[in-house]
């Protein structure tokens, strides 16, 4: 289970300089493409974040959450919701 640390809002370059090493991005170029020219961005920091080894089937995800379309940026789910999917 992960622990929410903080939500940080700031300029894309400032946040990359402070937290870039904590992100999933391989490089600043990849990060810049993701933020798509936005000057202000939001980072959500977690401690001990678990990543699933196997993706969850969308039908199981839909049944557990009621969400009909996966958000473009993905989403975080609770351990309780995950247990409903597996």
C-alpha atoms as a PDB file:
ATOM      1  CA  UNK A   1       0.000   0.000   0.000  1.00  0.00           C
ATOM      2  CA  UNK A   2       1.325   3.459  -0.786  1.00  0.00           C
ATOM      3  CA  UNK A   3       1.334   6.598   1.300  1.00  0.00           C
ATOM      4  CA  UNK A   4       0.334   9.979  -0.115  1.00  0.00           C
ATOM      5  CA  UNK A   5       3.128  12.482   0.540  1.00  0.00           C
ATOM      6  CA  UNK A   6       1.958  15.711  -1.095  1.00  0.00           C
ATOM      7  CA  UNK A   7       0.499  17.437  -4.125  1.00  0.00           C
ATOM      8  CA  UNK A   8       2.895  20.003  -5.588  1.00  0.00           C
ATOM      9  CA  UNK A   9       2.000  22.683  -8.144  1.00  0.00           C
ATOM     10  CA  UNK A  10       4.587  24.797  -9.932  1.00  0.00           C
ATOM     11  CA  UNK A  11       6.401  25.532 -13.138  1.00  0.00           C
ATOM     12  CA  UNK A  12       7.233  22.484 -15.240  1.00  0.00           C
ATOM     13  CA  UNK A  13      10.995  23.166 -15.135  1.00  0.00           C
ATOM     14  CA  UNK A  14      11.071  23.853 -11.393  1.00  0.00           C
ATOM     15  CA  UNK A  15       9.207  20.653 -10.593  1.00  0.00           C
ATOM     16  CA  UNK A  16      11.385  18.607 -12.948  1.00  0.00           C
ATOM     17  CA  UNK A  17      14.511  19.976 -11.249  1.00  0.00           C
ATOM     18  CA  UNK A  18      13.147  19.161  -7.799  1.00  0.00           C
ATOM     19  CA  UNK A  19      11.383  15.844  -8.438  1.00  0.00           C
ATOM     20  CA  UNK A  20      12.386  14.560 -11.888  1.00  0.00           C
ATOM     21  CA  UNK A  21      14.331  11.656 -10.419  1.00  0.00           C
ATOM     22  CA  UNK A  22      11.132  10.450  -8.673  1.00  0.00           C
ATOM     23  CA  UNK A  23       9.037  10.332 -11.830  1.00  0.00           C
ATOM     24  CA  UNK A  24       8.390   7.493 -14.269  1.00  0.00           C
ATOM     25  CA  UNK A  25       9.966   9.490 -17.108  1.00  0.00           C
ATOM     26  CA  UNK A  26      13.272   8.345 -18.568  1.00  0.00           C
ATOM     27  CA  UNK A  27      14.371  11.869 -19.542  1.00  0.00           C
ATOM     28  CA  UNK A  28      13.399  15.537 -19.412  1.00  0.00           C
ATOM     29  CA  UNK A  29      12.502  15.337 -23.115  1.00  0.00           C
ATOM     30  CA  UNK A  30       9.976  12.590 -22.355  1.00  0.00           C
ATOM     31  CA  UNK A  31       8.567  14.660 -19.472  1.00  0.00           C
ATOM     32  CA  UNK A  32       8.347  17.788 -21.680  1.00  0.00           C
ATOM     33  CA  UNK A  33       6.423  15.849 -24.320  1.00  0.00           C
ATOM     34  CA  UNK A  34       4.025  14.624 -21.641  1.00  0.00           C
ATOM     35  CA  UNK A  35       3.317  18.104 -20.221  1.00  0.00           C
ATOM     36  CA  UNK A  36       2.797  19.299 -23.812  1.00  0.00           C
ATOM     37  CA  UNK A  37       3.938  22.903 -23.433  1.00  0.00           C
ATOM     38  CA  UNK A  38       2.076  23.633 -20.209  1.00  0.00           C
ATOM     39  CA  UNK A  39       3.966  26.038 -17.986  1.00  0.00           C
ATOM     40  CA  UNK A  40       2.233  25.022 -14.754  1.00  0.00           C
ATOM     41  CA  UNK A  41       1.992  21.361 -13.737  1.00  0.00           C
ATOM     42  CA  UNK A  42       0.937  19.275 -10.752  1.00  0.00           C
ATOM     43  CA  UNK A  43       2.901  16.387  -9.295  1.00  0.00           C
ATOM     44  CA  UNK A  44       1.453  13.973  -6.794  1.00  0.00           C
ATOM     45  CA  UNK A  45       4.107  12.362  -4.643  1.00  0.00           C
ATOM     46  CA  UNK A  46       3.752   8.950  -3.017  1.00  0.00           C
ATOM     47  CA  UNK A  47       5.954   6.857  -0.798  1.00  0.00           C
ATOM     48  CA  UNK A  48       6.091   3.058  -1.269  1.00  0.00           C
ATOM     49  CA  UNK A  49       3.870   3.081  -4.353  1.00  0.00           C
ATOM     50  CA  UNK A  50       3.065  -0.430  -5.567  1.00  0.00           C
ATOM     51  CA  UNK A  51       2.937  -1.094  -9.295  1.00  0.00           C
ATOM     52  CA  UNK A  52       1.101  -4.182 -10.476  1.00  0.00           C
ATOM     53  CA  UNK A  53       3.133  -6.839 -12.287  1.00  0.00           C
ATOM     54  CA  UNK A  54       0.193  -7.738 -14.518  1.00  0.00           C
ATOM     55  CA  UNK A  55      -2.246  -5.172 -15.919  1.00  0.00           C
ATOM     56  CA  UNK A  56      -5.853  -5.509 -14.759  1.00  0.00           C
ATOM     57  CA  UNK A  57      -8.370  -6.451 -17.460  1.00  0.00           C
ATOM     58  CA  UNK A  58     -10.580  -3.456 -18.307  1.00  0.00           C
ATOM     59  CA  UNK A  59     -13.791  -5.462 -17.822  1.00  0.00           C
ATOM     60  CA  UNK A  60     -12.756  -6.213 -14.236  1.00  0.00           C
ATOM     61  CA  UNK A  61     -11.751  -2.572 -13.739  1.00  0.00           C
ATOM     62  CA  UNK A  62     -15.098  -1.379 -15.105  1.00  0.00           C
ATOM     63  CA  UNK A  63     -17.046  -3.792 -12.897  1.00  0.00           C
ATOM     64  CA  UNK A  64     -15.208  -2.635  -9.765  1.00  0.00           C
ATOM     65  CA  UNK A  65     -15.248   1.114 -10.458  1.00  0.00           C
ATOM     66  CA  UNK A  66     -18.103   1.799 -12.871  1.00  0.00           C
ATOM     67  CA  UNK A  67     -15.739   3.884 -15.001  1.00  0.00           C
ATOM     68  CA  UNK A  68     -16.543   3.358 -18.668  1.00  0.00           C
ATOM     69  CA  UNK A  69     -13.371   4.850 -20.150  1.00  0.00           C
ATOM     70  CA  UNK A  70      -9.879   4.954 -18.666  1.00  0.00           C
ATOM     71  CA  UNK A  71      -8.737   8.560 -18.012  1.00  0.00           C
ATOM     72  CA  UNK A  72      -5.880   9.639 -20.332  1.00  0.00           C
ATOM     73  CA  UNK A  73      -3.545  10.260 -17.434  1.00  0.00           C
ATOM     74  CA  UNK A  74      -4.432   7.002 -15.694  1.00  0.00           C
ATOM     75  CA  UNK A  75      -5.668   6.922 -12.137  1.00  0.00           C
ATOM     76  CA  UNK A  76      -4.855   5.633  -8.686  1.00  0.00           C
ATOM     77  CA  UNK A  77      -7.074   3.076  -7.000  1.00  0.00           C
ATOM     78  CA  UNK A  78      -7.395   1.931  -3.420  1.00  0.00           C
ATOM     79  CA  UNK A  79      -6.239  -1.474  -2.213  1.00  0.00           C
ATOM     80  CA  UNK A  80      -9.908  -2.278  -1.536  1.00  0.00           C
ATOM     81  CA  UNK A  81     -10.878  -1.547  -5.154  1.00  0.00           C
ATOM     82  CA  UNK A  82      -7.933  -3.586  -6.387  1.00  0.00           C
ATOM     83  CA  UNK A  83      -9.045  -6.566  -4.323  1.00  0.00           C
ATOM     84  CA  UNK A  84     -12.441  -6.404  -6.068  1.00  0.00           C
ATOM     85  CA  UNK A  85     -10.704  -6.724  -9.436  1.00  0.00           C
ATOM     86  CA  UNK A  86      -8.498  -9.720  -8.701  1.00  0.00           C
END
